[in-house]
Amino acid sequence: MDIGTIHSIWTIVLFVSFLGVVWWAFGKSRKARFEEDANLVFADEKQTPRKGQGETKE
């Protein structure tokens, strides 16, 4: 087995691995989990009332 064959096999292995990661990341069954994880940064922020929502003038 020469170096060209080894490089070809390695390229195929890496390409298949890349396709696996893409399939995993963009699979429909994981969309809800990723959307929930994306919103975790905002979970501990204080909610400020918007104009007309809960404000009272006295």
PDB file of N, CA and C in Angstrom:
ATOM      1  N   MET A   1       0.860  -1.164   0.000  1.00  0.00           N
ATOM      2  CA  MET A   1       0.000   0.000   0.000  1.00  0.00           C
ATOM      3  C   MET A   1       0.918   1.243   0.000  1.00  0.00           C
ATOM      4  N   ASP A   2       0.770   2.068  -1.010  1.00  0.00           N
ATOM      5  CA  ASP A   2       1.612   3.259  -1.075  1.00  0.00           C
ATOM      6  C   ASP A   2       0.927   4.454  -0.418  1.00  0.00           C
ATOM      7  N   ILE A   3       1.634   5.565  -0.341  1.00  0.00           N
ATOM      8  CA  ILE A   3       1.142   6.743   0.369  1.00  0.00           C
ATOM      9  C   ILE A   3      -0.083   7.351  -0.311  1.00  0.00           C
ATOM     10  N   GLY A   4      -0.200   7.253  -1.612  1.00  0.00           N
ATOM     11  CA  GLY A   4      -1.363   7.776  -2.328  1.00  0.00           C
ATOM     12  C   GLY A   4      -2.637   7.063  -1.929  1.00  0.00           C
ATOM     13  N   THR A   5      -2.575   5.766  -1.752  1.00  0.00           N
ATOM     14  CA  THR A   5      -3.740   4.984  -1.325  1.00  0.00           C
ATOM     15  C   THR A   5      -4.148   5.345   0.103  1.00  0.00           C
ATOM     16  N   ILE A   6      -3.150   5.506   0.954  1.00  0.00           N
ATOM     17  CA  ILE A   6      -3.438   5.871   2.345  1.00  0.00           C
ATOM     18  C   ILE A   6      -4.104   7.245   2.407  1.00  0.00           C
ATOM     19  N   HIS A   7      -3.604   8.191   1.627  1.00  0.00           N
ATOM     20  CA  HIS A   7      -4.212   9.526   1.585  1.00  0.00           C
ATOM     21  C   HIS A   7      -5.647   9.469   1.054  1.00  0.00           C
ATOM     22  N   SER A   8      -5.894   8.635   0.070  1.00  0.00           N
ATOM     23  CA  SER A   8      -7.239   8.500  -0.479  1.00  0.00           C
ATOM     24  C   SER A   8      -8.204   7.929   0.559  1.00  0.00           C
ATOM     25  N   ILE A   9      -7.764   6.910   1.259  1.00  0.00           N
ATOM     26  CA  ILE A   9      -8.610   6.300   2.292  1.00  0.00           C
ATOM     27  C   ILE A   9      -8.873   7.306   3.407  1.00  0.00           C
ATOM     28  N   TRP A  10      -7.837   8.044   3.820  1.00  0.00           N
ATOM     29  CA  TRP A  10      -7.996   9.027   4.871  1.00  0.00           C
ATOM     30  C   TRP A  10      -8.961  10.137   4.451  1.00  0.00           C
ATOM     31  N   THR A  11      -8.898  10.561   3.212  1.00  0.00           N
ATOM     32  CA  THR A  11      -9.810  11.585   2.702  1.00  0.00           C
ATOM     33  C   THR A  11     -11.250  11.091   2.738  1.00  0.00           C
ATOM     34  N   ILE A  12     -11.477   9.866   2.361  1.00  0.00           N
ATOM     35  CA  ILE A  12     -12.828   9.291   2.381  1.00  0.00           C
ATOM     36  C   ILE A  12     -13.346   9.192   3.816  1.00  0.00           C
ATOM     37  N   VAL A  13     -12.491   8.773   4.739  1.00  0.00           N
ATOM     38  CA  VAL A  13     -12.894   8.664   6.150  1.00  0.00           C
ATOM     39  C   VAL A  13     -13.283  10.030   6.703  1.00  0.00           C
ATOM     40  N   LEU A  14     -12.489  11.052   6.416  1.00  0.00           N
ATOM     41  CA  LEU A  14     -12.796  12.396   6.906  1.00  0.00           C
ATOM     42  C   LEU A  14     -14.065  12.949   6.266  1.00  0.00           C
ATOM     43  N   PHE A  15     -14.273  12.691   4.989  1.00  0.00           N
ATOM     44  CA  PHE A  15     -15.470  13.167   4.311  1.00  0.00           C
ATOM     45  C   PHE A  15     -16.725  12.508   4.884  1.00  0.00           C
ATOM     46  N   VAL A  16     -16.678  11.227   5.135  1.00  0.00           N
ATOM     47  CA  VAL A  16     -17.817  10.516   5.725  1.00  0.00           C
ATOM     48  C   VAL A  16     -18.077  11.038   7.142  1.00  0.00           C
ATOM     49  N   SER A  17     -17.017  11.305   7.894  1.00  0.00           N
ATOM     50  CA  SER A  17     -17.183  11.877   9.235  1.00  0.00           C
ATOM     51  C   SER A  17     -17.835  13.250   9.172  1.00  0.00           C
ATOM     52  N   PHE A  18     -17.407  14.069   8.221  1.00  0.00           N
ATOM     53  CA  PHE A  18     -17.998  15.392   8.038  1.00  0.00           C
ATOM     54  C   PHE A  18     -19.485  15.278   7.715  1.00  0.00           C
ATOM     55  N   LEU A  19     -19.842  14.388   6.819  1.00  0.00           N
ATOM     56  CA  LEU A  19     -21.251  14.194   6.475  1.00  0.00           C
ATOM     57  C   LEU A  19     -22.052  13.736   7.689  1.00  0.00           C
ATOM     58  N   GLY A  20     -21.461  12.901   8.524  1.00  0.00           N
ATOM     59  CA  GLY A  20     -22.130  12.442   9.739  1.00  0.00           C
ATOM     60  C   GLY A  20     -22.405  13.591  10.702  1.00  0.00           C
ATOM     61  N   VAL A  21     -21.434  14.481  10.869  1.00  0.00           N
ATOM     62  CA  VAL A  21     -21.620  15.622  11.759  1.00  0.00           C
ATOM     63  C   VAL A  21     -22.685  16.568  11.202  1.00  0.00           C
ATOM     64  N   VAL A  22     -22.682  16.796   9.909  1.00  0.00           N
ATOM     65  CA  VAL A  22     -23.689  17.661   9.290  1.00  0.00           C
ATOM     66  C   VAL A  22     -25.073  17.046   9.449  1.00  0.00           C
ATOM     67  N   TRP A  23     -25.194  15.761   9.218  1.00  0.00           N
ATOM     68  CA  TRP A  23     -26.482  15.074   9.378  1.00  0.00           C
ATOM     69  C   TRP A  23     -26.965  15.178  10.825  1.00  0.00           C
ATOM     70  N   TRP A  24     -26.048  15.001  11.780  1.00  0.00           N
ATOM     71  CA  TRP A  24     -26.410  15.090  13.191  1.00  0.00           C
ATOM     72  C   TRP A  24     -26.842  16.505  13.559  1.00  0.00           C
ATOM     73  N   ALA A  25     -26.115  17.509  13.100  1.00  0.00           N
ATOM     74  CA  ALA A  25     -26.389  18.890  13.494  1.00  0.00           C
ATOM     75  C   ALA A  25     -27.681  19.430  12.897  1.00  0.00           C
ATOM     76  N   PHE A  26     -28.017  19.024  11.697  1.00  0.00           N
ATOM     77  CA  PHE A  26     -29.185  19.578  11.021  1.00  0.00           C
ATOM     78  C   PHE A  26     -30.368  18.623  10.979  1.00  0.00           C
ATOM     79  N   GLY A  27     -30.319  17.547  11.761  1.00  0.00           N
ATOM     80  CA  GLY A  27     -31.428  16.602  11.813  1.00  0.00           C
ATOM     81  C   GLY A  27     -32.662  17.228  12.439  1.00  0.00           C
ATOM     82  N   LYS A  28     -33.826  16.898  11.941  1.00  0.00           N
ATOM     83  CA  LYS A  28     -35.082  17.475  12.428  1.00  0.00           C
ATOM     84  C   LYS A  28     -35.370  17.090  13.878  1.00  0.00           C
ATOM     85  N   SER A  29     -34.918  15.924  14.293  1.00  0.00           N
ATOM     86  CA  SER A  29     -35.236  15.481  15.646  1.00  0.00           C
ATOM     87  C   SER A  29     -34.484  16.271  16.714  1.00  0.00           C
ATOM     88  N   ARG A  30     -33.429  16.976  16.349  1.00  0.00           N
ATOM     89  CA  ARG A  30     -32.663  17.750  17.314  1.00  0.00           C
ATOM     90  C   ARG A  30     -32.931  19.246  17.239  1.00  0.00           C
ATOM     91  N   LYS A  31     -33.803  19.679  16.363  1.00  0.00           N
ATOM     92  CA  LYS A  31     -34.060  21.104  16.171  1.00  0.00           C
ATOM     93  C   LYS A  31     -34.595  21.758  17.436  1.00  0.00           C
ATOM     94  N   ALA A  32     -35.558  21.131  18.093  1.00  0.00           N
ATOM     95  CA  ALA A  32     -36.156  21.718  19.295  1.00  0.00           C
ATOM     96  C   ALA A  32     -35.114  21.856  20.404  1.00  0.00           C
ATOM     97  N   ARG A  33     -34.275  20.864  20.553  1.00  0.00           N
ATOM     98  CA  ARG A  33     -33.242  20.921  21.594  1.00  0.00           C
ATOM     99  C   ARG A  33     -32.261  22.052  21.320  1.00  0.00           C
ATOM    100  N   PHE A  34     -31.831  22.207  20.092  1.00  0.00           N
ATOM    101  CA  PHE A  34     -30.877  23.255  19.757  1.00  0.00           C
ATOM    102  C   PHE A  34     -31.495  24.642  19.905  1.00  0.00           C
ATOM    103  N   GLU A  35     -32.775  24.798  19.585  1.00  0.00           N
ATOM    104  CA  GLU A  35     -33.431  26.084  19.773  1.00  0.00           C
ATOM    105  C   GLU A  35     -33.543  26.423  21.258  1.00  0.00           C
ATOM    106  N   GLU A  36     -33.838  25.429  22.064  1.00  0.00           N
ATOM    107  CA  GLU A  36     -33.904  25.646  23.506  1.00  0.00           C
ATOM    108  C   GLU A  36     -32.525  26.012  24.058  1.00  0.00           C
ATOM    109  N   ASP A  37     -31.499  25.313  23.615  1.00  0.00           N
ATOM    110  CA  ASP A  37     -30.140  25.608  24.056  1.00  0.00           C
ATOM    111  C   ASP A  37     -29.696  27.002  23.621  1.00  0.00           C
ATOM    112  N   ALA A  38     -30.132  27.437  22.462  1.00  0.00           N
ATOM    113  CA  ALA A  38     -29.753  28.758  21.968  1.00  0.00           C
ATOM    114  C   ALA A  38     -30.350  29.865  22.833  1.00  0.00           C
ATOM    115  N   ASN A  39     -31.471  29.607  23.465  1.00  0.00           N
ATOM    116  CA  ASN A  39     -32.133  30.624  24.281  1.00  0.00           C
ATOM    117  C   ASN A  39     -31.712  30.590  25.752  1.00  0.00           C
ATOM    118  N   LEU A  40     -30.817  29.681  26.122  1.00  0.00           N
ATOM    119  CA  LEU A  40     -30.374  29.604  27.515  1.00  0.00           C
ATOM    120  C   LEU A  40     -29.652  30.865  27.965  1.00  0.00           C
ATOM    121  N   VAL A  41     -29.017  31.569  27.068  1.00  0.00           N
ATOM    122  CA  VAL A  41     -28.292  32.782  27.443  1.00  0.00           C
ATOM    123  C   VAL A  41     -29.244  33.846  27.974  1.00  0.00           C
ATOM    124  N   PHE A  42     -30.466  33.832  27.519  1.00  0.00           N
ATOM    125  CA  PHE A  42     -31.436  34.841  27.916  1.00  0.00           C
ATOM    126  C   PHE A  42     -32.274  34.411  29.115  1.00  0.00           C
ATOM    127  N   ALA A  43     -32.074  33.226  29.626  1.00  0.00           N
ATOM    128  CA  ALA A  43     -32.939  32.682  30.674  1.00  0.00           C
ATOM    129  C   ALA A  43     -32.838  33.457  31.984  1.00  0.00           C
ATOM    130  N   ASP A  44     -31.672  34.015  32.313  1.00  0.00           N
ATOM    131  CA  ASP A  44     -31.527  34.678  33.599  1.00  0.00           C
ATOM    132  C   ASP A  44     -31.652  36.198  33.523  1.00  0.00           C
ATOM    133  N   GLU A  45     -32.022  36.728  32.385  1.00  0.00           N
ATOM    134  CA  GLU A  45     -32.197  38.164  32.255  1.00  0.00           C
ATOM    135  C   GLU A  45     -33.509  38.603  32.900  1.00  0.00           C
ATOM    136  N   LYS A  46     -33.469  39.793  33.481  1.00  0.00           N
ATOM    137  CA  LYS A  46     -34.696  40.336  34.066  1.00  0.00           C
ATOM    138  C   LYS A  46     -35.582  40.846  32.950  1.00  0.00           C
ATOM    139  N   GLN A  47     -36.854  40.600  33.095  1.00  0.00           N
ATOM    140  CA  GLN A  47     -37.829  41.071  32.124  1.00  0.00           C
ATOM    141  C   GLN A  47     -38.178  42.523  32.451  1.00  0.00           C
ATOM    142  N   THR A  48     -37.962  43.426  31.524  1.00  0.00           N
ATOM    143  CA  THR A  48     -38.362  44.819  31.733  1.00  0.00           C
ATOM    144  C   THR A  48     -39.697  45.030  31.043  1.00  0.00           C
ATOM    145  N   PRO A  49     -40.633  45.671  31.735  1.00  0.00           N
ATOM    146  CA  PRO A  49     -41.945  45.880  31.108  1.00  0.00           C
ATOM    147  C   PRO A  49     -41.842  46.835  29.932  1.00  0.00           C
ATOM    148  N   ARG A  50     -42.509  46.494  28.867  1.00  0.00           N
ATOM    149  CA  ARG A  50     -42.539  47.356  27.691  1.00  0.00           C
ATOM    150  C   ARG A  50     -43.595  48.426  27.875  1.00  0.00           C
ATOM    151  N   LYS A  51     -43.536  49.404  27.043  1.00  0.00           N
ATOM    152  CA  LYS A  51     -44.480  50.519  27.123  1.00  0.00           C
ATOM    153  C   LYS A  51     -45.908  49.989  26.985  1.00  0.00           C
ATOM    154  N   GLY A  52     -46.722  50.297  27.973  1.00  0.00           N
ATOM    155  CA  GLY A  52     -48.104  49.867  27.943  1.00  0.00           C
ATOM    156  C   GLY A  52     -48.335  48.506  28.566  1.00  0.00           C
ATOM    157  N   GLN A  53     -47.296  47.865  29.064  1.00  0.00           N
ATOM    158  CA  GLN A  53     -47.449  46.547  29.675  1.00  0.00           C
ATOM    159  C   GLN A  53     -47.041  46.616  31.146  1.00  0.00           C
ATOM    160  N   GLY A  54     -48.004  46.771  32.013  1.00  0.00           N
ATOM    161  CA  GLY A  54     -47.740  46.735  33.437  1.00  0.00           C
ATOM    162  C   GLY A  54     -47.288  48.051  34.036  1.00  0.00           C
ATOM    163  N   GLU A  55     -47.149  49.081  33.267  1.00  0.00           N
ATOM    164  CA  GLU A  55     -46.765  50.375  33.805  1.00  0.00           C
ATOM    165  C   GLU A  55     -48.004  51.108  34.280  1.00  0.00           C
ATOM    166  N   THR A  56     -47.891  51.731  35.421  1.00  0.00           N
ATOM    167  CA  THR A  56     -49.000  52.525  35.926  1.00  0.00           C
ATOM    168  C   THR A  56     -48.488  53.926  36.220  1.00  0.00           C
ATOM    169  N   LYS A  57     -49.282  54.905  35.876  1.00  0.00           N
ATOM    170  CA  LYS A  57     -48.935  56.300  36.175  1.00  0.00           C
ATOM    171  C   LYS A  57     -49.761  56.742  37.357  1.00  0.00           C
ATOM    172  N   GLU A  58     -49.091  57.268  38.358  1.00  0.00           N
ATOM    173  CA  GLU A  58     -49.811  57.729  39.545  1.00  0.00           C
ATOM    174  C   GLU A  58     -49.515  59.163  39.786  1.00  0.00           C
TER     175      GLU A  58
END
